[in-house]
Amino acid sequence: MKQKRKENYWLGLVAGLLLITAAIPARAVFTDQPRIALFIIVAGAALIITSMTGIYLRSRKEEAEDPDERDKKIRRAAFSDSWIITFWFATVLLCIDFTGIVELQTTDVLMAIFYAMGISATFFGWKYREKGDAE
């Protein structure tokens, strides 16, 4: 039996608009830290884009299909493999920083790890779907 989940995407849209609106006075208040306003704007834009995507997908399809066991198994295997790849990638970055080959900044390392997580999870999910199942 399909369960109908009610998502409130409009709340995210309004929250994103409020964040972007709040960035204007934040820029005036935090004159010595101009990046704070930029971070607030980026967070608001991310909320708006996520909400708009949800609204669009909901308008295309009345009821979301429940994922079957194969989809859940593929997702678990993809995230597991992605975690392993990300762990080893973080270990390599730590060794590079420890040996002093390259001086790494915290922001650069975090962004590299986030990209590694997203790209590897997407790749493994695609690989397992092409294969048909995760073993």
C-alpha atoms as a PDB file:
ATOM      1  CA  MET A   1       0.000   0.000   0.000  1.00  0.00           C
ATOM      2  CA  LYS A   2       1.327   3.402  -0.910  1.00  0.00           C
ATOM      3  CA  GLN A   3       1.655   5.912   1.857  1.00  0.00           C
ATOM      4  CA  LYS A   4       1.094   9.504   0.932  1.00  0.00           C
ATOM      5  CA  ARG A   5       3.658  11.741   2.589  1.00  0.00           C
ATOM      6  CA  LYS A   6       2.819  15.355   2.883  1.00  0.00           C
ATOM      7  CA  GLU A   7       5.803  17.570   2.256  1.00  0.00           C
ATOM      8  CA  ASN A   8       5.541  21.255   2.849  1.00  0.00           C
ATOM      9  CA  TYR A   9       7.825  22.717   0.201  1.00  0.00           C
ATOM     10  CA  TRP A  10       6.310  26.170   0.491  1.00  0.00           C
ATOM     11  CA  LEU A  11       7.777  26.539   3.968  1.00  0.00           C
ATOM     12  CA  GLY A  12      11.297  26.105   2.558  1.00  0.00           C
ATOM     13  CA  LEU A  13      10.564  28.635  -0.171  1.00  0.00           C
ATOM     14  CA  VAL A  14       9.409  31.238   2.349  1.00  0.00           C
ATOM     15  CA  ALA A  15      12.354  30.492   4.668  1.00  0.00           C
ATOM     16  CA  GLY A  16      14.771  30.927   1.757  1.00  0.00           C
ATOM     17  CA  LEU A  17      13.257  34.270   0.839  1.00  0.00           C
ATOM     18  CA  LEU A  18      13.452  35.376   4.472  1.00  0.00           C
ATOM     19  CA  LEU A  19      17.119  34.378   4.658  1.00  0.00           C
ATOM     20  CA  ILE A  20      17.946  36.349   1.532  1.00  0.00           C
ATOM     21  CA  THR A  21      16.036  39.322   2.915  1.00  0.00           C
ATOM     22  CA  ALA A  22      17.880  39.006   6.247  1.00  0.00           C
ATOM     23  CA  ALA A  23      21.220  39.145   4.436  1.00  0.00           C
ATOM     24  CA  ILE A  24      20.731  42.819   3.601  1.00  0.00           C
ATOM     25  CA  PRO A  25      20.813  44.064   7.212  1.00  0.00           C
ATOM     26  CA  ALA A  26      23.417  41.409   8.085  1.00  0.00           C
ATOM     27  CA  ARG A  27      25.799  43.011   5.615  1.00  0.00           C
ATOM     28  CA  ALA A  28      25.339  46.355   7.335  1.00  0.00           C
ATOM     29  CA  VAL A  29      25.747  44.898  10.825  1.00  0.00           C
ATOM     30  CA  PHE A  30      28.753  42.689  10.086  1.00  0.00           C
ATOM     31  CA  THR A  31      30.878  45.188   8.168  1.00  0.00           C
ATOM     32  CA  ASP A  32      34.132  43.520   9.224  1.00  0.00           C
ATOM     33  CA  GLN A  33      32.874  40.076   8.074  1.00  0.00           C
ATOM     34  CA  PRO A  34      31.309  40.511   4.606  1.00  0.00           C
ATOM     35  CA  ARG A  35      31.240  36.732   4.047  1.00  0.00           C
ATOM     36  CA  ILE A  36      28.493  36.250   6.629  1.00  0.00           C
ATOM     37  CA  ALA A  37      25.950  37.967   4.395  1.00  0.00           C
ATOM     38  CA  LEU A  38      27.142  35.879   1.467  1.00  0.00           C
ATOM     39  CA  PHE A  39      26.697  32.653   3.459  1.00  0.00           C
ATOM     40  CA  ILE A  40      23.168  33.704   4.418  1.00  0.00           C
ATOM     41  CA  ILE A  41      22.342  34.434   0.772  1.00  0.00           C
ATOM     42  CA  VAL A  42      23.744  31.076  -0.357  1.00  0.00           C
ATOM     43  CA  ALA A  43      21.734  29.246   2.323  1.00  0.00           C
ATOM     44  CA  GLY A  44      18.576  31.068   1.240  1.00  0.00           C
ATOM     45  CA  ALA A  45      19.219  30.297  -2.421  1.00  0.00           C
ATOM     46  CA  ALA A  46      19.813  26.621  -1.604  1.00  0.00           C
ATOM     47  CA  LEU A  47      16.509  26.454   0.289  1.00  0.00           C
ATOM     48  CA  ILE A  48      14.681  28.119  -2.589  1.00  0.00           C
ATOM     49  CA  ILE A  49      16.195  25.798  -5.207  1.00  0.00           C
ATOM     50  CA  THR A  50      15.454  22.705  -3.119  1.00  0.00           C
ATOM     51  CA  SER A  51      11.890  23.827  -2.484  1.00  0.00           C
ATOM     52  CA  MET A  52      11.271  24.734  -6.124  1.00  0.00           C
ATOM     53  CA  THR A  53      12.559  21.314  -7.173  1.00  0.00           C
ATOM     54  CA  GLY A  54      10.196  19.656  -4.706  1.00  0.00           C
ATOM     55  CA  ILE A  55       7.266  21.755  -5.909  1.00  0.00           C
ATOM     56  CA  TYR A  56       8.058  20.919  -9.534  1.00  0.00           C
ATOM     57  CA  LEU A  57       8.372  17.197  -8.872  1.00  0.00           C
ATOM     58  CA  ARG A  58       5.180  17.182  -6.840  1.00  0.00           C
ATOM     59  CA  SER A  59       3.275  18.920  -9.620  1.00  0.00           C
ATOM     60  CA  ARG A  60       4.478  16.346 -12.155  1.00  0.00           C
ATOM     61  CA  LYS A  61       3.439  13.364 -10.087  1.00  0.00           C
ATOM     62  CA  GLU A  62       0.547  13.213  -7.663  1.00  0.00           C
ATOM     63  CA  GLU A  63       1.768  10.291  -5.587  1.00  0.00           C
ATOM     64  CA  ALA A  64       5.356   9.380  -4.995  1.00  0.00           C
ATOM     65  CA  GLU A  65       6.142   5.758  -5.532  1.00  0.00           C
ATOM     66  CA  ASP A  66       7.402   3.843  -2.548  1.00  0.00           C
ATOM     67  CA  PRO A  67      10.905   2.558  -3.136  1.00  0.00           C
ATOM     68  CA  ASP A  68      11.017  -1.195  -3.378  1.00  0.00           C
ATOM     69  CA  GLU A  69      13.514  -3.441  -1.618  1.00  0.00           C
ATOM     70  CA  ARG A  70      15.900  -3.451  -4.575  1.00  0.00           C
ATOM     71  CA  ASP A  71      16.088   0.363  -4.580  1.00  0.00           C
ATOM     72  CA  LYS A  72      16.740   0.409  -0.848  1.00  0.00           C
ATOM     73  CA  LYS A  73      19.435  -2.232  -1.211  1.00  0.00           C
ATOM     74  CA  ILE A  74      21.108  -0.302  -4.037  1.00  0.00           C
ATOM     75  CA  ARG A  75      20.981   2.942  -2.056  1.00  0.00           C
ATOM     76  CA  ARG A  76      22.493   1.307   1.040  1.00  0.00           C
ATOM     77  CA  ALA A  77      25.290  -0.297  -0.982  1.00  0.00           C
ATOM     78  CA  ALA A  78      26.026   2.941  -2.864  1.00  0.00           C
ATOM     79  CA  PHE A  79      26.221   4.990   0.330  1.00  0.00           C
ATOM     80  CA  SER A  80      28.362   2.337   1.994  1.00  0.00           C
ATOM     81  CA  ASP A  81      30.841   2.284  -0.886  1.00  0.00           C
ATOM     82  CA  SER A  82      30.783   6.078  -1.005  1.00  0.00           C
ATOM     83  CA  TRP A  83      31.620   6.245   2.693  1.00  0.00           C
ATOM     84  CA  ILE A  84      34.601   3.931   2.192  1.00  0.00           C
ATOM     85  CA  ILE A  85      35.911   5.984  -0.738  1.00  0.00           C
ATOM     86  CA  THR A  86      35.430   9.225   1.216  1.00  0.00           C
ATOM     87  CA  PHE A  87      37.188   7.799   4.261  1.00  0.00           C
ATOM     88  CA  TRP A  88      40.229   6.790   2.215  1.00  0.00           C
ATOM     89  CA  PHE A  89      40.208  10.121   0.390  1.00  0.00           C
ATOM     90  CA  ALA A  90      40.209  11.975   3.727  1.00  0.00           C
ATOM     91  CA  THR A  91      43.067   9.745   4.897  1.00  0.00           C
ATOM     92  CA  VAL A  92      45.087  10.603   1.785  1.00  0.00           C
ATOM     93  CA  LEU A  93      44.415  14.315   2.317  1.00  0.00           C
ATOM     94  CA  LEU A  94      45.562  13.970   5.930  1.00  0.00           C
ATOM     95  CA  CYS A  95      48.793  12.283   4.816  1.00  0.00           C
ATOM     96  CA  ILE A  96      49.405  14.983   2.213  1.00  0.00           C
ATOM     97  CA  ASP A  97      48.936  17.688   4.829  1.00  0.00           C
ATOM     98  CA  PHE A  98      50.981  15.843   7.445  1.00  0.00           C
ATOM     99  CA  THR A  99      53.962  15.364   5.138  1.00  0.00           C
ATOM    100  CA  GLY A 100      53.810  18.993   4.048  1.00  0.00           C
ATOM    101  CA  ILE A 101      53.669  18.244   0.328  1.00  0.00           C
ATOM    102  CA  VAL A 102      50.846  20.749  -0.056  1.00  0.00           C
ATOM    103  CA  GLU A 103      49.549  23.170   2.555  1.00  0.00           C
ATOM    104  CA  LEU A 104      45.820  22.518   2.746  1.00  0.00           C
ATOM    105  CA  GLN A 105      43.230  24.916   4.086  1.00  0.00           C
ATOM    106  CA  THR A 106      40.264  23.644   6.078  1.00  0.00           C
ATOM    107  CA  THR A 107      37.726  24.967   3.584  1.00  0.00           C
ATOM    108  CA  ASP A 108      39.515  23.271   0.700  1.00  0.00           C
ATOM    109  CA  VAL A 109      39.595  19.932   2.513  1.00  0.00           C
ATOM    110  CA  LEU A 110      35.919  20.108   3.510  1.00  0.00           C
ATOM    111  CA  MET A 111      34.830  21.019  -0.010  1.00  0.00           C
ATOM    112  CA  ALA A 112      36.943  18.198  -1.475  1.00  0.00           C
ATOM    113  CA  ILE A 113      35.393  15.713   0.960  1.00  0.00           C
ATOM    114  CA  PHE A 114      31.844  16.934   0.231  1.00  0.00           C
ATOM    115  CA  TYR A 115      32.440  16.634  -3.504  1.00  0.00           C
ATOM    116  CA  ALA A 116      33.985  13.190  -3.056  1.00  0.00           C
ATOM    117  CA  MET A 117      30.933  12.043  -1.072  1.00  0.00           C
ATOM    118  CA  GLY A 118      28.424  13.329  -3.583  1.00  0.00           C
ATOM    119  CA  ILE A 119      30.218  12.200  -6.703  1.00  0.00           C
ATOM    120  CA  SER A 120      31.068   8.736  -5.382  1.00  0.00           C
ATOM    121  CA  ALA A 121      27.533   8.132  -4.055  1.00  0.00           C
ATOM    122  CA  THR A 122      26.067   9.154  -7.407  1.00  0.00           C
ATOM    123  CA  PHE A 123      28.572   7.002  -9.299  1.00  0.00           C
ATOM    124  CA  PHE A 124      27.959   3.889  -7.191  1.00  0.00           C
ATOM    125  CA  GLY A 125      24.188   4.361  -7.340  1.00  0.00           C
ATOM    126  CA  TRP A 126      24.395   4.616 -11.119  1.00  0.00           C
ATOM    127  CA  LYS A 127      26.734   1.596 -11.316  1.00  0.00           C
ATOM    128  CA  TYR A 128      24.438  -0.597  -9.223  1.00  0.00           C
ATOM    129  CA  ARG A 129      21.332   0.462 -11.151  1.00  0.00           C
ATOM    130  CA  GLU A 130      23.061  -0.379 -14.449  1.00  0.00           C
ATOM    131  CA  LYS A 131      24.140  -3.703 -12.982  1.00  0.00           C
ATOM    132  CA  GLY A 132      20.592  -4.389 -11.813  1.00  0.00           C
ATOM    133  CA  ASP A 133      21.291  -5.156  -8.174  1.00  0.00           C
ATOM    134  CA  ALA A 134      23.813  -4.673  -5.400  1.00  0.00           C
ATOM    135  CA  GLU A 135      25.549  -7.712  -4.064  1.00  0.00           C
END
